[in-house]
Amino acid sequence: MKRYLPGPSEILDRSWKVFSEHLGPMLGAVLIGIGIFIAFYIVLLITMFGLMFLFRGNQMVFQLVNNAVTGVFTVAVLWAYIGYARFNLEIMRGAEPNLMTLFNQYRLIPNYFLTNALVTMVSFLAFTPLVALAAGPVAALWDPNNPLPAVGVGVLTFLVGVVVLVPLSAAMVMSALFTIDRELDPVASVIAGLRTVRGNIGWIYTMFFLLVAAYLASSVLMCTGIGALLAIPFMTLMGLHCYEALASSIEAELVGEGPAPTPEPEPQPAEEPSAPEPAQEVGAPVGAVEDAGDNPYAPPSAKVEGPIQTRGSSLLGRPAPEPLPVDAHRYRPEAPAKVTKVAIVCLIPWILAGGNPFSGAVIGFTLGRMLGFPSWAGAVAGFGGLTLCGVAAIVVLLLGHRGRREVIVDQAGIAVDGNTFWTGVRLRWDELRGFRISPRGVELYLQGAWGWIWRPVVPTRERETHDLVEKLEGHGIMRIA
């Protein structure tokens, strides 16, 4: 059943309510973020001027080192953005503001960097041919005496690009937020981002125009310093409320006969009354232990009763993970693949080239002239080499993702790519076209276009494979040889 998506007025009301209640901490976070950005930018400028002085006689070395330093600055900006997004997510979900959230998210930098790199590479590989195909007719029709046909084709191409880019951009932004909020790996984040777009195109366009209108209105405020400080957190809250609505619309709700019954505790023999406890020491905080159970940030040892709060349920205000129904089963790989470092190594040439294959073509062109090779050959080698590095990183991430996927099977279908903070993306039984048994487990074939680009694998062992095959065949899903 499709879940409810809030309308524009509800998004505005929710954002304004949170914004008005936590104006002070949110303005403080914006000022801290601006200060971090300015500090890193000053360090970047000083470093660049120093490099210009050191390598003034070798432009090639200067370009490579400058790109590496710019890459370090980019990582610092990503770190600041991750902290700012997590801080606003906490406030949006009702947790108490904690400014330390702005600084302690460094462990998410590798996955977030790889998610952004994956999004950039996929977008580049997908849109470069489209831009080339669009530029061809414009160039062929261009006539200085009659430019209208070429301009008309260009405008039409632009409009088609906007129609395609709005949902795709929404999917890419969602992918980044899935990495920050739900801590999914890069491939799982991109898949979840694309799944949020499917079936919600109309709602996404409505929210896009709402955000554009809010941005234009806030641009007037941004002409003054205080207006910018007010507009930035409010726009951030609107975007995060849109993310929350879309993420909730695709997260699987586990369906079954009900949660497993909790075993009743065995009766314990009566204990003899113990001596009264000594009075509390003078100077100790009153109620330190008694109130610890109500404090979500207290260490587990200080809590006297109740379930131990996880980081997902306390720091981000999310509910604890949903317990598995009786007839549901979770499948986990024995040894999850760890490919983050390998993927980052594949992307080092991208970082040195400024994250753009065309920059690699310029570097190859210059190196070709320096080494005596044809300049065109150096440009082609630089462009092709960086493109192959990007493809290699994508392949590594895809292979790693197939080896770390967690899957839950229940009465409604299959939930894939789950973790502690995310039940997973729901695949209903009628979305499955077939299955095949492979050395990695049970490989699923999906209906439609998804069947060509995404084949989830359920990591099963011998007995688990038999039980899963029986359940799949019981729902009319055929085995593919």
Protein backbone atom coordinates (compact mmCIF):
# COMPACT_ATOMS: atom_id res chain seq x y z
CA MET A 1 0.00 0.00 0.00
CA LYS A 2 1.38 3.40 -1.02
CA ARG A 3 2.21 5.60 1.95
CA TYR A 4 1.03 9.14 2.44
CA LEU A 5 3.27 11.95 1.16
CA PRO A 6 2.71 15.38 2.74
CA GLY A 7 1.67 18.33 0.59
CA PRO A 8 3.49 21.66 0.20
CA SER A 9 1.58 23.37 3.03
CA GLU A 10 2.39 20.53 5.42
CA ILE A 11 6.09 20.63 4.50
CA LEU A 12 6.12 24.39 5.12
CA ASP A 13 4.27 24.03 8.44
CA ARG A 14 6.58 21.30 9.72
CA SER A 15 9.71 23.20 8.68
CA TRP A 16 8.51 26.45 10.24
CA LYS A 17 7.55 24.72 13.51
CA VAL A 18 11.01 23.15 13.92
CA PHE A 19 12.73 26.34 12.76
CA SER A 20 10.88 28.60 15.20
CA GLU A 21 11.42 26.24 18.15
CA HIS A 22 15.19 25.78 17.60
CA LEU A 23 16.21 29.07 16.01
CA GLY A 24 19.17 29.67 18.33
CA PRO A 25 20.98 26.32 17.88
CA MET A 26 20.34 26.30 14.12
CA LEU A 27 21.79 29.81 13.67
CA GLY A 28 24.76 28.74 15.78
CA ALA A 29 25.33 25.72 13.53
CA VAL A 30 25.20 27.93 10.43
CA LEU A 31 27.75 30.34 11.90
CA ILE A 32 30.04 27.47 12.88
CA GLY A 33 29.76 25.99 9.37
CA ILE A 34 30.55 29.33 7.73
CA GLY A 35 33.52 29.75 10.06
CA ILE A 36 34.85 26.27 9.18
CA PHE A 37 34.46 26.98 5.46
CA ILE A 38 36.23 30.35 5.69
CA ALA A 39 39.08 28.87 7.74
CA PHE A 40 39.68 26.01 5.29
CA TYR A 41 39.38 28.37 2.33
CA ILE A 42 42.03 30.70 3.76
CA VAL A 43 44.34 27.72 4.30
CA LEU A 44 43.63 26.62 0.70
CA LEU A 45 44.53 30.06 -0.71
CA ILE A 46 47.75 30.26 1.32
CA THR A 47 48.72 26.77 0.18
CA MET A 48 47.99 27.57 -3.47
CA PHE A 49 50.13 30.73 -3.40
CA GLY A 50 52.92 28.74 -1.76
CA LEU A 51 52.70 26.07 -4.46
CA MET A 52 52.77 28.71 -7.17
CA PHE A 53 56.03 30.01 -5.72
CA LEU A 54 57.60 26.56 -5.27
CA PHE A 55 56.63 25.17 -8.70
CA ARG A 56 56.66 28.37 -10.75
CA GLY A 57 58.95 26.70 -13.27
CA ASN A 58 56.95 23.46 -13.65
CA GLN A 59 53.30 24.05 -14.49
CA MET A 60 52.46 20.33 -14.70
CA VAL A 61 53.66 19.48 -11.19
CA PHE A 62 51.92 22.57 -9.85
CA GLN A 63 48.62 21.50 -11.46
CA LEU A 64 48.78 17.99 -10.01
CA VAL A 65 49.71 19.13 -6.49
CA ASN A 66 47.12 21.91 -6.64
CA ASN A 67 44.41 19.40 -7.58
CA ALA A 68 45.45 17.16 -4.67
CA VAL A 69 45.25 20.09 -2.23
CA THR A 70 41.86 21.04 -3.66
CA GLY A 71 40.75 17.44 -3.10
CA VAL A 72 41.73 17.70 0.57
CA PHE A 73 39.71 20.93 0.81
CA THR A 74 36.74 19.15 -0.79
CA VAL A 75 36.95 16.37 1.82
CA ALA A 76 36.93 19.03 4.56
CA VAL A 77 33.80 20.59 3.03
CA LEU A 78 32.15 17.14 2.89
CA TRP A 79 32.96 16.63 6.57
CA ALA A 80 31.35 19.95 7.47
CA TYR A 81 28.24 19.19 5.38
CA ILE A 82 27.81 15.73 6.91
CA GLY A 83 27.90 17.19 10.41
CA TYR A 84 25.48 19.97 9.48
CA ALA A 85 23.01 17.54 7.89
CA ARG A 86 23.11 15.16 10.87
CA PHE A 87 22.65 18.08 13.27
CA ASN A 88 19.51 19.23 11.46
CA LEU A 89 18.17 15.67 11.24
CA GLU A 90 18.48 15.33 15.01
CA ILE A 91 16.56 18.56 15.59
CA MET A 92 13.92 17.67 13.00
CA ARG A 93 13.22 14.36 14.76
CA GLY A 94 12.85 15.88 18.20
CA ALA A 95 16.26 15.18 19.76
CA GLU A 96 17.99 17.81 21.85
CA PRO A 97 20.45 19.95 19.84
CA ASN A 98 24.04 18.82 20.29
CA LEU A 99 26.68 20.95 18.58
CA MET A 100 29.25 18.15 18.88
CA THR A 101 27.33 16.40 16.08
CA LEU A 102 28.86 18.97 13.72
CA PHE A 103 32.36 17.63 14.39
CA ASN A 104 32.19 13.89 15.16
CA GLN A 105 30.95 12.55 11.79
CA TYR A 106 34.40 11.95 10.27
CA ARG A 107 33.84 8.18 10.06
CA LEU A 108 31.14 8.76 7.41
CA ILE A 109 33.51 10.67 5.10
CA PRO A 110 34.78 7.62 3.06
CA ASN A 111 31.31 6.30 2.21
CA TYR A 112 29.92 9.79 1.56
CA PHE A 113 32.89 10.63 -0.67
CA LEU A 114 32.42 7.39 -2.62
CA THR A 115 28.67 8.01 -2.96
CA ASN A 116 29.30 11.46 -4.42
CA ALA A 117 32.02 10.09 -6.69
CA LEU A 118 29.71 7.29 -7.86
CA VAL A 119 26.91 9.77 -8.57
CA THR A 120 29.32 12.05 -10.46
CA MET A 121 30.75 9.22 -12.55
CA VAL A 122 27.36 7.72 -13.41
CA SER A 123 26.02 11.16 -14.35
CA PHE A 124 29.07 11.87 -16.49
CA LEU A 125 28.93 8.52 -18.28
CA ALA A 126 25.18 8.89 -18.84
CA PHE A 127 24.97 12.52 -19.93
CA THR A 128 28.13 12.99 -22.00
CA PRO A 129 26.65 11.03 -24.96
CA LEU A 130 23.32 12.88 -24.55
CA VAL A 131 25.06 16.27 -24.64
CA ALA A 132 27.02 15.19 -27.70
CA LEU A 133 23.83 14.06 -29.46
CA ALA A 134 22.10 17.33 -28.58
CA ALA A 135 25.03 19.50 -29.69
CA GLY A 136 25.23 17.79 -33.08
CA PRO A 137 21.87 19.00 -34.48
CA VAL A 138 22.40 22.49 -33.05
CA ALA A 139 25.77 22.77 -34.76
CA ALA A 140 24.38 21.35 -38.03
CA LEU A 141 21.42 23.76 -38.06
CA TRP A 142 23.40 26.83 -37.02
CA ASP A 143 23.22 29.63 -39.57
CA PRO A 144 24.25 33.20 -38.63
CA ASN A 145 21.64 34.55 -41.05
CA ASN A 146 18.81 32.37 -39.65
CA PRO A 147 19.63 31.16 -36.10
CA LEU A 148 16.02 30.38 -35.12
CA PRO A 149 16.05 26.63 -36.04
CA ALA A 150 19.23 26.01 -34.05
CA VAL A 151 17.96 28.09 -31.13
CA GLY A 152 14.64 26.22 -31.21
CA VAL A 153 16.39 22.84 -31.11
CA GLY A 154 18.61 24.10 -28.29
CA VAL A 155 15.64 25.30 -26.23
CA LEU A 156 13.77 22.05 -26.83
CA THR A 157 16.83 20.06 -25.76
CA PHE A 158 17.13 22.22 -22.65
CA LEU A 159 13.49 21.63 -21.69
CA VAL A 160 13.85 17.90 -22.18
CA GLY A 161 17.00 18.03 -20.06
CA VAL A 162 15.12 19.83 -17.26
CA VAL A 163 12.34 17.23 -17.35
CA VAL A 164 14.91 14.46 -17.00
CA LEU A 165 17.28 16.24 -14.62
CA VAL A 166 14.74 17.19 -11.92
CA PRO A 167 13.89 13.60 -10.83
CA LEU A 168 17.47 12.44 -11.45
CA SER A 169 18.85 15.29 -9.31
CA ALA A 170 16.33 14.40 -6.61
CA ALA A 171 17.53 10.79 -6.70
CA MET A 172 21.16 11.88 -6.41
CA VAL A 173 20.44 14.17 -3.43
CA MET A 174 18.48 11.35 -1.79
CA SER A 175 21.43 9.00 -2.34
CA ALA A 176 23.77 11.34 -0.47
CA LEU A 177 21.31 11.71 2.42
CA PHE A 178 20.81 7.93 2.64
CA THR A 179 24.56 7.62 3.16
CA ILE A 180 24.54 10.28 5.89
CA ASP A 181 21.34 9.29 7.68
CA ARG A 182 20.89 5.54 7.20
CA GLU A 183 24.61 4.79 6.71
CA LEU A 184 24.06 2.72 3.58
CA ASP A 185 27.00 1.83 1.36
CA PRO A 186 27.39 3.85 -1.88
CA VAL A 187 25.62 1.39 -4.20
CA ALA A 188 22.75 0.79 -1.77
CA SER A 189 22.37 4.58 -1.37
CA VAL A 190 22.11 5.12 -5.12
CA ILE A 191 19.62 2.25 -5.51
CA ALA A 192 17.47 3.61 -2.67
CA GLY A 193 17.66 7.11 -4.18
CA LEU A 194 16.48 5.85 -7.55
CA ARG A 195 13.68 3.83 -5.95
CA THR A 196 12.34 6.96 -4.22
CA VAL A 197 11.80 8.59 -7.63
CA ARG A 198 9.79 5.71 -9.05
CA GLY A 199 6.10 6.40 -8.61
CA ASN A 200 6.65 9.81 -6.99
CA ILE A 201 7.48 11.93 -10.07
CA GLY A 202 4.49 14.25 -9.63
CA TRP A 203 5.21 14.83 -5.95
CA ILE A 204 8.90 15.48 -6.70
CA TYR A 205 8.04 18.12 -9.31
CA THR A 206 5.62 19.77 -6.86
CA MET A 207 8.28 19.93 -4.16
CA PHE A 208 10.85 21.12 -6.71
CA PHE A 209 8.72 24.13 -7.63
CA LEU A 210 8.04 24.75 -3.93
CA LEU A 211 11.77 24.74 -3.15
CA VAL A 212 12.48 27.00 -6.14
CA ALA A 213 9.80 29.45 -4.97
CA ALA A 214 11.16 29.36 -1.42
CA TYR A 215 14.68 29.87 -2.75
CA LEU A 216 13.63 32.88 -4.82
CA ALA A 217 11.81 34.34 -1.83
CA SER A 218 14.76 33.72 0.45
CA SER A 219 17.15 35.27 -2.11
CA VAL A 220 15.63 38.62 -1.22
CA LEU A 221 16.51 37.95 2.43
CA MET A 222 20.00 36.81 1.44
CA CYS A 223 20.76 40.34 0.25
CA THR A 224 21.26 41.10 3.96
CA GLY A 225 23.50 39.12 6.29
CA ILE A 226 20.83 38.24 8.83
CA GLY A 227 18.47 37.23 6.01
CA ALA A 228 20.98 34.68 4.72
CA LEU A 229 21.44 33.25 8.22
CA LEU A 230 17.67 32.77 8.47
CA ALA A 231 17.16 31.40 4.96
CA ILE A 232 19.88 28.72 5.03
CA PRO A 233 18.53 26.63 7.97
CA PHE A 234 14.91 27.01 6.86
CA MET A 235 15.71 25.81 3.32
CA THR A 236 17.72 22.94 4.81
CA LEU A 237 14.76 21.87 6.94
CA MET A 238 12.43 21.91 3.93
CA GLY A 239 14.80 19.68 1.97
CA LEU A 240 15.24 17.27 4.89
CA HIS A 241 11.47 17.00 5.41
CA CYS A 242 11.14 16.08 1.71
CA TYR A 243 13.87 13.48 2.17
CA GLU A 244 12.16 12.02 5.24
CA ALA A 245 8.85 11.70 3.41
CA LEU A 246 10.40 9.96 0.40
CA ALA A 247 12.59 7.68 2.52
CA SER A 248 9.58 6.59 4.59
CA SER A 249 7.62 5.87 1.40
CA ILE A 250 10.04 3.14 0.27
CA GLU A 251 11.24 1.69 3.58
CA ALA A 252 9.88 -1.80 4.03
CA GLU A 253 7.28 -2.45 6.73
CA LEU A 254 7.79 -5.99 7.92
CA VAL A 255 4.65 -8.09 7.56
CA GLY A 256 4.00 -11.36 9.36
CA GLU A 257 1.99 -13.06 12.06
CA GLY A 258 3.48 -10.77 14.67
CA PRO A 259 6.67 -10.34 16.66
CA ALA A 260 8.20 -13.33 18.34
CA PRO A 261 6.78 -13.87 21.83
CA THR A 262 9.03 -12.71 24.64
CA PRO A 263 9.91 -15.62 26.95
CA GLU A 264 8.56 -15.21 30.45
CA PRO A 265 11.26 -14.91 33.12
CA GLU A 266 11.78 -17.92 35.34
CA PRO A 267 10.67 -17.49 38.95
CA GLN A 268 13.52 -16.58 41.26
CA PRO A 269 13.76 -17.62 44.91
CA ALA A 270 12.89 -14.93 47.40
CA GLU A 271 15.89 -13.01 48.65
CA GLU A 272 16.48 -12.02 52.23
CA PRO A 273 16.08 -8.31 52.91
CA SER A 274 19.41 -6.56 52.54
CA ALA A 275 20.81 -3.80 54.65
CA PRO A 276 19.72 -0.27 53.76
CA GLU A 277 21.89 1.48 51.23
CA PRO A 278 24.22 4.17 52.53
CA ALA A 279 23.22 7.76 52.05
CA GLN A 280 24.38 9.52 48.93
CA GLU A 281 27.75 11.24 49.22
CA VAL A 282 27.83 14.93 49.76
CA GLY A 283 28.55 16.72 46.49
CA ALA A 284 27.27 13.93 44.23
CA PRO A 285 24.67 15.14 41.73
CA VAL A 286 21.17 14.46 43.03
CA GLY A 287 19.28 11.97 40.88
CA ALA A 288 22.36 11.14 38.79
CA VAL A 289 21.51 7.44 38.59
CA GLU A 290 17.75 7.69 38.90
CA ASP A 291 17.44 10.07 35.95
CA ALA A 292 19.99 8.32 33.74
CA GLY A 293 17.34 6.08 32.23
CA ASP A 294 15.59 9.15 30.79
CA ASN A 295 18.76 10.56 29.28
CA PRO A 296 19.33 9.13 25.77
CA TYR A 297 22.96 10.26 25.85
CA ALA A 298 23.83 8.55 29.12
CA PRO A 299 26.18 5.52 28.84
CA PRO A 300 24.45 2.12 28.99
CA SER A 301 26.04 1.35 32.37
CA ALA A 302 24.18 4.29 33.91
CA LYS A 303 20.74 3.16 32.77
CA VAL A 304 18.82 1.30 35.44
CA GLU A 305 16.09 -0.21 33.29
CA GLY A 306 14.64 -0.33 29.79
CA PRO A 307 16.33 -1.29 26.52
CA ILE A 308 19.75 0.10 25.76
CA GLN A 309 19.40 3.08 23.44
CA THR A 310 21.17 2.69 20.12
CA ARG A 311 22.67 5.62 18.30
CA GLY A 312 19.84 5.44 15.80
CA SER A 313 17.10 5.68 18.40
CA SER A 314 18.71 8.34 20.58
CA LEU A 315 21.00 10.67 18.70
CA LEU A 316 18.82 10.87 15.61
CA GLY A 317 15.45 10.43 17.29
CA ARG A 318 14.60 7.39 15.18
CA PRO A 319 12.56 4.49 16.49
CA ALA A 320 14.45 1.35 17.40
CA PRO A 321 14.74 -1.27 14.63
CA GLU A 322 11.49 -3.14 14.06
CA PRO A 323 11.55 -6.69 15.52
CA LEU A 324 11.27 -9.51 13.01
CA PRO A 325 7.87 -11.22 12.73
CA VAL A 326 7.69 -14.91 13.59
CA ASP A 327 7.70 -16.10 9.96
CA ALA A 328 10.32 -13.61 8.69
CA HIS A 329 13.98 -14.47 8.24
CA ARG A 330 17.08 -12.29 7.96
CA TYR A 331 19.94 -13.38 5.69
CA ARG A 332 23.41 -11.95 6.22
CA PRO A 333 26.67 -12.70 4.38
CA GLU A 334 29.25 -14.62 6.41
CA ALA A 335 32.10 -12.21 5.61
CA PRO A 336 30.91 -8.86 4.26
CA ALA A 337 33.15 -7.50 1.53
CA LYS A 338 35.31 -4.48 2.43
CA VAL A 339 36.11 -2.53 -0.70
CA THR A 340 36.16 1.09 0.46
CA LYS A 341 39.95 1.43 0.39
CA VAL A 342 40.23 -0.29 -3.00
CA ALA A 343 37.63 2.03 -4.52
CA ILE A 344 39.36 5.11 -3.12
CA VAL A 345 42.68 3.94 -4.59
CA CYS A 346 40.99 3.62 -7.99
CA LEU A 347 39.80 7.23 -7.65
CA ILE A 348 43.20 8.74 -6.82
CA PRO A 349 43.83 9.63 -10.51
CA TRP A 350 40.42 11.35 -10.55
CA ILE A 351 41.42 13.42 -7.52
CA LEU A 352 44.78 14.39 -9.05
CA ALA A 353 43.00 15.42 -12.26
CA GLY A 354 40.44 17.55 -10.41
CA GLY A 355 37.61 15.01 -10.68
CA ASN A 356 37.04 15.61 -14.39
CA PRO A 357 38.15 13.42 -17.33
CA PHE A 358 38.43 16.54 -19.50
CA SER A 359 41.09 17.82 -17.09
CA GLY A 360 42.80 14.47 -17.63
CA ALA A 361 42.69 15.15 -21.37
CA VAL A 362 44.41 18.51 -20.82
CA ILE A 363 47.06 16.90 -18.60
CA GLY A 364 47.60 14.15 -21.18
CA PHE A 365 47.87 16.77 -23.94
CA THR A 366 50.58 18.63 -22.01
CA LEU A 367 52.46 15.45 -21.10
CA GLY A 368 52.36 14.34 -24.73
CA ARG A 369 54.01 17.56 -25.82
CA MET A 370 56.64 17.30 -23.07
CA LEU A 371 57.52 13.66 -23.88
CA GLY A 372 57.47 14.05 -27.64
CA PHE A 373 54.27 12.09 -28.31
CA PRO A 374 51.46 13.42 -30.49
CA SER A 375 49.36 15.81 -28.46
CA TRP A 376 46.09 14.23 -29.57
CA ALA A 377 47.31 10.79 -28.39
CA GLY A 378 48.15 12.20 -24.96
CA ALA A 379 44.73 13.84 -24.69
CA VAL A 380 42.93 10.62 -25.65
CA ALA A 381 45.08 8.60 -23.24
CA GLY A 382 44.41 11.02 -20.38
CA PHE A 383 40.66 11.09 -21.01
CA GLY A 384 40.42 7.32 -21.51
CA GLY A 385 42.64 6.51 -18.54
CA LEU A 386 40.56 8.56 -16.12
CA THR A 387 37.33 7.14 -17.53
CA LEU A 388 38.67 3.61 -17.00
CA CYS A 389 39.64 4.49 -13.41
CA GLY A 390 36.08 5.65 -12.80
CA VAL A 391 34.64 2.49 -14.34
CA ALA A 392 37.00 0.37 -12.21
CA ALA A 393 35.81 2.13 -9.04
CA ILE A 394 32.18 1.51 -10.04
CA VAL A 395 32.88 -2.20 -10.66
CA VAL A 396 34.67 -2.52 -7.29
CA LEU A 397 31.75 -0.90 -5.47
CA LEU A 398 29.22 -3.09 -7.27
CA LEU A 399 31.11 -6.29 -6.45
CA GLY A 400 31.53 -5.21 -2.84
CA HIS A 401 27.87 -4.38 -2.53
CA ARG A 402 26.82 -7.81 -3.79
CA GLY A 403 28.96 -9.34 -1.05
CA ARG A 404 27.61 -7.29 1.85
CA ARG A 405 23.85 -7.12 1.21
CA GLU A 406 21.49 -7.96 4.07
CA VAL A 407 18.07 -9.33 3.09
CA ILE A 408 14.85 -9.91 5.06
CA VAL A 409 12.11 -12.18 3.68
CA ASP A 410 8.60 -11.89 5.13
CA GLN A 411 5.00 -12.44 3.98
CA ALA A 412 4.86 -9.27 1.85
CA GLY A 413 8.05 -9.91 -0.10
CA ILE A 414 11.72 -9.13 0.29
CA ALA A 415 13.48 -6.18 1.96
CA VAL A 416 17.02 -5.62 0.67
CA ASP A 417 19.98 -3.47 1.75
CA GLY A 418 18.92 -3.18 5.39
CA ASN A 419 21.10 -2.39 8.38
CA THR A 420 20.70 -1.21 11.96
CA PHE A 421 19.05 2.05 10.88
CA TRP A 422 17.18 0.93 7.78
CA THR A 423 14.78 -1.99 7.34
CA GLY A 424 15.52 -2.04 3.62
CA VAL A 425 13.90 -1.32 0.27
CA ARG A 426 10.72 -3.32 -0.28
CA LEU A 427 10.44 -5.69 -3.25
CA ARG A 428 6.95 -7.19 -3.46
CA TRP A 429 6.43 -10.73 -4.69
CA ASP A 430 4.81 -9.47 -7.90
CA GLU A 431 7.96 -7.45 -8.70
CA LEU A 432 10.01 -10.64 -8.97
CA ARG A 433 10.24 -12.34 -12.35
CA GLY A 434 12.33 -15.33 -11.37
CA PHE A 435 15.34 -16.58 -9.43
CA ARG A 436 18.54 -18.52 -9.98
CA ILE A 437 20.76 -20.39 -7.53
CA SER A 438 24.37 -19.18 -7.72
CA PRO A 439 27.50 -19.78 -5.61
CA ARG A 440 26.76 -16.53 -3.73
CA GLY A 441 23.17 -17.50 -2.86
CA VAL A 442 19.81 -16.99 -4.56
CA GLU A 443 19.92 -14.38 -7.33
CA LEU A 444 16.63 -12.55 -7.96
CA TYR A 445 15.38 -11.29 -11.36
CA LEU A 446 13.08 -8.27 -11.28
CA GLN A 447 10.30 -7.21 -13.61
CA GLY A 448 10.78 -4.35 -16.05
CA ALA A 449 13.87 -2.19 -16.52
CA TRP A 450 15.13 -2.91 -13.00
CA GLY A 451 15.75 -6.51 -14.07
CA TRP A 452 18.50 -5.34 -16.42
CA ILE A 453 20.41 -3.11 -13.99
CA TRP A 454 19.74 -4.63 -10.56
CA ARG A 455 19.76 -8.30 -9.53
CA PRO A 456 19.73 -8.65 -5.74
CA VAL A 457 21.42 -11.72 -4.30
CA VAL A 458 20.14 -13.31 -1.08
CA PRO A 459 23.19 -14.69 0.78
CA THR A 460 22.03 -18.17 1.76
CA ARG A 461 23.60 -21.43 2.89
CA GLU A 462 22.46 -24.96 2.06
CA ARG A 463 19.41 -25.30 4.34
CA GLU A 464 18.52 -21.63 3.96
CA THR A 465 18.64 -21.96 0.18
CA HIS A 466 16.15 -24.86 0.28
CA ASP A 467 13.72 -22.94 2.52
CA LEU A 468 13.93 -19.77 0.42
CA VAL A 469 13.41 -21.68 -2.83
CA GLU A 470 10.27 -23.29 -1.37
CA LYS A 471 8.92 -19.86 -0.37
CA LEU A 472 9.69 -18.34 -3.80
CA GLU A 473 8.06 -21.22 -5.67
CA GLY A 474 5.10 -21.06 -3.28
CA HIS A 475 4.48 -17.48 -4.49
CA GLY A 476 4.60 -18.54 -8.13
CA ILE A 477 8.11 -17.29 -8.90
CA MET A 478 9.81 -19.57 -11.39
CA ARG A 479 13.37 -20.82 -11.35
CA ILE A 480 15.57 -19.61 -14.22
CA ALA A 481 18.15 -22.07 -15.45
